[in-house]
Amino acid sequence: MIEVVLNDRLGKKVRVKCNDDDTIGDLKKLVAAQTGTRADKIRIQKWYTVYKDHITLKDYEIHDGMGLELYYN
């Protein structure tokens, strides 16, 4: 289990516990359950790299305690 911190830069930080073999789509579903926003309206990125839904966290080298950016479409 790893913990990922997502910051929406509007004052909300979301901490999500997930496995490193989960996909970005799975992470979006977990974030949607905590924030009340639909999963298809969430975009996760780091700097200018927008993460795609079908790729795993391990493939993107997302580790425990890593911070990502959370945007709402």
N, C-alpha and C. Protein backbone atom coordinates (compact mmCIF):
# COMPACT_ATOMS: atom_id res chain seq x y z
N MET A 1 0.84 -1.19 0.00
CA MET A 1 0.00 0.00 0.00
C MET A 1 0.88 1.25 0.00
N ILE A 2 0.53 2.18 -0.83
CA ILE A 2 1.21 3.47 -0.85
C ILE A 2 0.18 4.57 -0.62
N GLU A 3 0.66 5.71 -0.17
CA GLU A 3 -0.22 6.85 0.03
C GLU A 3 0.21 7.96 -0.93
N VAL A 4 -0.74 8.45 -1.71
CA VAL A 4 -0.49 9.51 -2.68
C VAL A 4 -1.24 10.75 -2.22
N VAL A 5 -0.58 11.91 -2.27
CA VAL A 5 -1.19 13.17 -1.88
C VAL A 5 -1.49 13.95 -3.13
N LEU A 6 -2.77 14.34 -3.29
CA LEU A 6 -3.18 15.12 -4.45
C LEU A 6 -3.60 16.51 -3.98
N ASN A 7 -3.05 17.54 -4.60
CA ASN A 7 -3.32 18.92 -4.23
C ASN A 7 -4.04 19.59 -5.39
N ASP A 8 -5.21 20.20 -5.11
CA ASP A 8 -5.95 20.85 -6.19
C ASP A 8 -5.64 22.34 -6.30
N ARG A 9 -4.73 22.84 -5.46
CA ARG A 9 -4.27 24.23 -5.47
C ARG A 9 -5.39 25.22 -5.17
N LEU A 10 -6.49 24.72 -4.65
CA LEU A 10 -7.58 25.58 -4.20
C LEU A 10 -7.77 25.44 -2.70
N GLY A 11 -6.79 24.83 -2.04
CA GLY A 11 -6.84 24.67 -0.59
C GLY A 11 -7.22 23.28 -0.13
N LYS A 12 -7.43 22.35 -1.05
CA LYS A 12 -7.81 21.00 -0.68
C LYS A 12 -6.70 20.02 -1.03
N LYS A 13 -6.29 19.23 -0.04
CA LYS A 13 -5.35 18.14 -0.27
C LYS A 13 -6.06 16.84 0.04
N VAL A 14 -5.94 15.90 -0.86
CA VAL A 14 -6.59 14.60 -0.70
C VAL A 14 -5.50 13.55 -0.57
N ARG A 15 -5.58 12.76 0.50
CA ARG A 15 -4.65 11.65 0.70
C ARG A 15 -5.38 10.35 0.37
N VAL A 16 -4.78 9.56 -0.52
CA VAL A 16 -5.42 8.33 -0.99
C VAL A 16 -4.46 7.18 -0.79
N LYS A 17 -4.94 6.11 -0.19
CA LYS A 17 -4.16 4.88 -0.04
C LYS A 17 -4.56 3.94 -1.18
N CYS A 18 -3.55 3.44 -1.90
CA CYS A 18 -3.80 2.53 -3.01
C CYS A 18 -2.59 1.62 -3.20
N ASN A 19 -2.72 0.69 -4.11
CA ASN A 19 -1.61 -0.21 -4.44
C ASN A 19 -0.83 0.37 -5.60
N ASP A 20 0.44 -0.01 -5.71
CA ASP A 20 1.24 0.53 -6.80
C ASP A 20 0.92 -0.12 -8.14
N ASP A 21 0.16 -1.22 -8.14
CA ASP A 21 -0.25 -1.82 -9.40
C ASP A 21 -1.65 -1.36 -9.83
N ASP A 22 -2.23 -0.39 -9.12
CA ASP A 22 -3.49 0.22 -9.55
C ASP A 22 -3.22 1.16 -10.71
N THR A 23 -4.24 1.36 -11.53
CA THR A 23 -4.10 2.28 -12.65
C THR A 23 -4.47 3.70 -12.21
N ILE A 24 -4.18 4.66 -13.05
CA ILE A 24 -4.56 6.05 -12.78
C ILE A 24 -6.08 6.16 -12.74
N GLY A 25 -6.79 5.37 -13.55
CA GLY A 25 -8.25 5.35 -13.51
C GLY A 25 -8.77 4.89 -12.16
N ASP A 26 -8.12 3.89 -11.56
CA ASP A 26 -8.50 3.44 -10.22
C ASP A 26 -8.26 4.53 -9.19
N LEU A 27 -7.14 5.24 -9.32
CA LEU A 27 -6.83 6.35 -8.42
C LEU A 27 -7.87 7.45 -8.53
N LYS A 28 -8.31 7.73 -9.76
CA LYS A 28 -9.35 8.74 -9.96
C LYS A 28 -10.65 8.34 -9.27
N LYS A 29 -10.98 7.06 -9.30
CA LYS A 29 -12.20 6.59 -8.64
C LYS A 29 -12.11 6.75 -7.13
N LEU A 30 -10.93 6.49 -6.56
CA LEU A 30 -10.74 6.67 -5.13
C LEU A 30 -10.82 8.14 -4.73
N VAL A 31 -10.25 9.01 -5.56
CA VAL A 31 -10.32 10.45 -5.30
C VAL A 31 -11.76 10.93 -5.43
N ALA A 32 -12.48 10.42 -6.42
CA ALA A 32 -13.88 10.81 -6.62
C ALA A 32 -14.74 10.41 -5.43
N ALA A 33 -14.44 9.27 -4.83
CA ALA A 33 -15.20 8.83 -3.66
C ALA A 33 -14.97 9.75 -2.47
N GLN A 34 -13.77 10.31 -2.35
CA GLN A 34 -13.46 11.19 -1.22
C GLN A 34 -13.95 12.62 -1.45
N THR A 35 -13.89 13.11 -2.69
CA THR A 35 -14.22 14.51 -2.94
C THR A 35 -15.66 14.73 -3.37
N GLY A 36 -16.32 13.70 -3.88
CA GLY A 36 -17.68 13.86 -4.36
C GLY A 36 -17.76 14.33 -5.80
N THR A 37 -16.61 14.42 -6.47
CA THR A 37 -16.56 14.81 -7.88
C THR A 37 -16.55 13.55 -8.73
N ARG A 38 -17.20 13.61 -9.89
CA ARG A 38 -17.20 12.44 -10.77
C ARG A 38 -15.80 12.13 -11.27
N ALA A 39 -15.49 10.85 -11.42
CA ALA A 39 -14.15 10.42 -11.80
C ALA A 39 -13.77 10.89 -13.21
N ASP A 40 -14.75 11.01 -14.11
CA ASP A 40 -14.42 11.44 -15.47
C ASP A 40 -14.17 12.95 -15.56
N LYS A 41 -14.43 13.69 -14.48
CA LYS A 41 -14.17 15.13 -14.45
C LYS A 41 -12.85 15.46 -13.76
N ILE A 42 -12.07 14.43 -13.39
CA ILE A 42 -10.82 14.62 -12.66
C ILE A 42 -9.65 14.41 -13.62
N ARG A 43 -8.65 15.29 -13.54
CA ARG A 43 -7.41 15.15 -14.31
C ARG A 43 -6.25 15.16 -13.32
N ILE A 44 -5.37 14.18 -13.42
CA ILE A 44 -4.21 14.07 -12.54
C ILE A 44 -2.97 14.30 -13.39
N GLN A 45 -2.11 15.19 -12.91
CA GLN A 45 -0.88 15.46 -13.65
C GLN A 45 0.23 15.86 -12.71
N LYS A 46 1.43 15.90 -13.24
CA LYS A 46 2.62 16.36 -12.53
C LYS A 46 3.36 17.25 -13.51
N TRP A 47 3.56 18.50 -13.15
CA TRP A 47 4.09 19.53 -14.03
C TRP A 47 3.23 19.59 -15.29
N TYR A 48 3.77 19.27 -16.45
CA TYR A 48 2.98 19.33 -17.68
C TYR A 48 2.62 17.95 -18.21
N THR A 49 2.90 16.90 -17.46
CA THR A 49 2.59 15.55 -17.88
C THR A 49 1.22 15.16 -17.35
N VAL A 50 0.25 14.97 -18.26
CA VAL A 50 -1.08 14.51 -17.88
C VAL A 50 -1.06 12.99 -17.89
N TYR A 51 -1.45 12.39 -16.77
CA TYR A 51 -1.40 10.94 -16.64
C TYR A 51 -2.61 10.29 -17.29
N LYS A 52 -2.36 9.21 -18.03
CA LYS A 52 -3.41 8.49 -18.76
C LYS A 52 -4.02 7.42 -17.86
N ASP A 53 -5.31 7.14 -18.06
CA ASP A 53 -6.09 6.29 -17.16
C ASP A 53 -5.64 4.83 -17.15
N HIS A 54 -5.14 4.30 -18.24
CA HIS A 54 -4.88 2.86 -18.33
C HIS A 54 -3.48 2.45 -17.88
N ILE A 55 -2.65 3.39 -17.47
CA ILE A 55 -1.27 3.09 -17.08
C ILE A 55 -1.18 3.01 -15.56
N THR A 56 -0.39 2.07 -15.04
CA THR A 56 -0.32 1.85 -13.60
C THR A 56 0.57 2.89 -12.92
N LEU A 57 0.41 3.00 -11.62
CA LEU A 57 1.21 3.93 -10.83
C LEU A 57 2.68 3.51 -10.84
N LYS A 58 2.92 2.20 -10.87
CA LYS A 58 4.29 1.69 -10.90
C LYS A 58 5.00 2.10 -12.18
N ASP A 59 4.26 2.07 -13.30
CA ASP A 59 4.86 2.45 -14.58
C ASP A 59 5.20 3.94 -14.63
N TYR A 60 4.41 4.76 -13.94
CA TYR A 60 4.70 6.20 -13.86
C TYR A 60 5.70 6.52 -12.74
N GLU A 61 6.15 5.50 -12.03
CA GLU A 61 7.09 5.63 -10.92
C GLU A 61 6.55 6.55 -9.82
N ILE A 62 5.29 6.34 -9.49
CA ILE A 62 4.65 7.06 -8.38
C ILE A 62 4.86 6.22 -7.13
N HIS A 63 5.50 6.84 -6.12
CA HIS A 63 5.90 6.13 -4.91
C HIS A 63 5.11 6.63 -3.71
N ASP A 64 5.37 6.03 -2.56
CA ASP A 64 4.70 6.37 -1.32
C ASP A 64 5.02 7.82 -0.92
N GLY A 65 3.97 8.59 -0.63
CA GLY A 65 4.14 9.97 -0.18
C GLY A 65 4.31 10.98 -1.29
N MET A 66 4.21 10.55 -2.53
CA MET A 66 4.42 11.46 -3.65
C MET A 66 3.24 12.40 -3.82
N GLY A 67 3.52 13.63 -4.20
CA GLY A 67 2.48 14.62 -4.42
C GLY A 67 2.19 14.81 -5.89
N LEU A 68 0.90 14.82 -6.24
CA LEU A 68 0.46 15.03 -7.62
C LEU A 68 -0.51 16.21 -7.66
N GLU A 69 -0.76 16.72 -8.84
CA GLU A 69 -1.67 17.84 -9.03
C GLU A 69 -3.04 17.32 -9.45
N LEU A 70 -4.07 17.89 -8.87
CA LEU A 70 -5.44 17.47 -9.14
C LEU A 70 -6.18 18.63 -9.78
N TYR A 71 -6.75 18.38 -10.95
CA TYR A 71 -7.51 19.40 -11.68
C TYR A 71 -8.90 18.87 -11.98
N TYR A 72 -9.85 19.79 -12.10
CA TYR A 72 -11.24 19.44 -12.41
C TYR A 72 -11.55 19.94 -13.82
N ASN A 73 -12.03 19.05 -14.69
CA ASN A 73 -12.40 19.42 -16.05
C ASN A 73 -13.84 19.86 -16.11
